[in-house]
Amino acid sequence: MTWLTVSLVCAWSCLCN
């Protein structure tokens, strides 16, 4: 996983939560 993927997952998680 690249930093971009990690950032996207983090943003997605924050939006879902």
N, C-alpha and C. Protein backbone atom coordinates (compact mmCIF):
# COMPACT_ATOMS: atom_id res chain seq x y z
N MET A 1 0.85 -1.22 0.00
CA MET A 1 0.00 0.00 0.00
C MET A 1 0.88 1.26 0.00
N THR A 2 0.51 2.21 -0.82
CA THR A 2 1.27 3.45 -0.90
C THR A 2 0.67 4.48 0.05
N TRP A 3 1.36 5.58 0.21
CA TRP A 3 0.86 6.63 1.11
C TRP A 3 -0.47 7.16 0.61
N LEU A 4 -0.64 7.15 -0.73
CA LEU A 4 -1.90 7.64 -1.30
C LEU A 4 -3.05 6.73 -0.92
N THR A 5 -2.81 5.42 -1.00
CA THR A 5 -3.85 4.45 -0.64
C THR A 5 -4.22 4.58 0.84
N VAL A 6 -3.19 4.73 1.67
CA VAL A 6 -3.43 4.88 3.11
C VAL A 6 -4.25 6.14 3.38
N SER A 7 -3.93 7.21 2.67
CA SER A 7 -4.65 8.47 2.85
C SER A 7 -6.12 8.32 2.45
N LEU A 8 -6.34 7.62 1.32
CA LEU A 8 -7.71 7.42 0.84
C LEU A 8 -8.50 6.59 1.83
N VAL A 9 -7.90 5.53 2.34
CA VAL A 9 -8.58 4.66 3.31
C VAL A 9 -8.89 5.44 4.57
N CYS A 10 -7.94 6.27 5.01
CA CYS A 10 -8.15 7.06 6.22
C CYS A 10 -9.30 8.03 6.04
N ALA A 11 -9.32 8.72 4.88
CA ALA A 11 -10.39 9.68 4.59
C ALA A 11 -11.73 8.97 4.51
N TRP A 12 -11.75 7.79 3.87
CA TRP A 12 -12.99 7.02 3.71
C TRP A 12 -13.50 6.58 5.09
N SER A 13 -12.58 6.14 5.94
CA SER A 13 -12.95 5.70 7.28
C SER A 13 -13.51 6.86 8.10
N CYS A 14 -12.87 8.02 7.97
CA CYS A 14 -13.33 9.19 8.72
C CYS A 14 -14.73 9.59 8.27
N LEU A 15 -15.00 9.50 6.96
CA LEU A 15 -16.32 9.87 6.43
C LEU A 15 -17.37 8.87 6.89
N CYS A 16 -17.01 7.58 6.89
CA CYS A 16 -17.97 6.55 7.30
C CYS A 16 -18.27 6.66 8.79
N ASN A 17 -17.26 7.03 9.55
CA ASN A 17 -17.45 7.16 10.99
C ASN A 17 -17.96 8.56 11.30
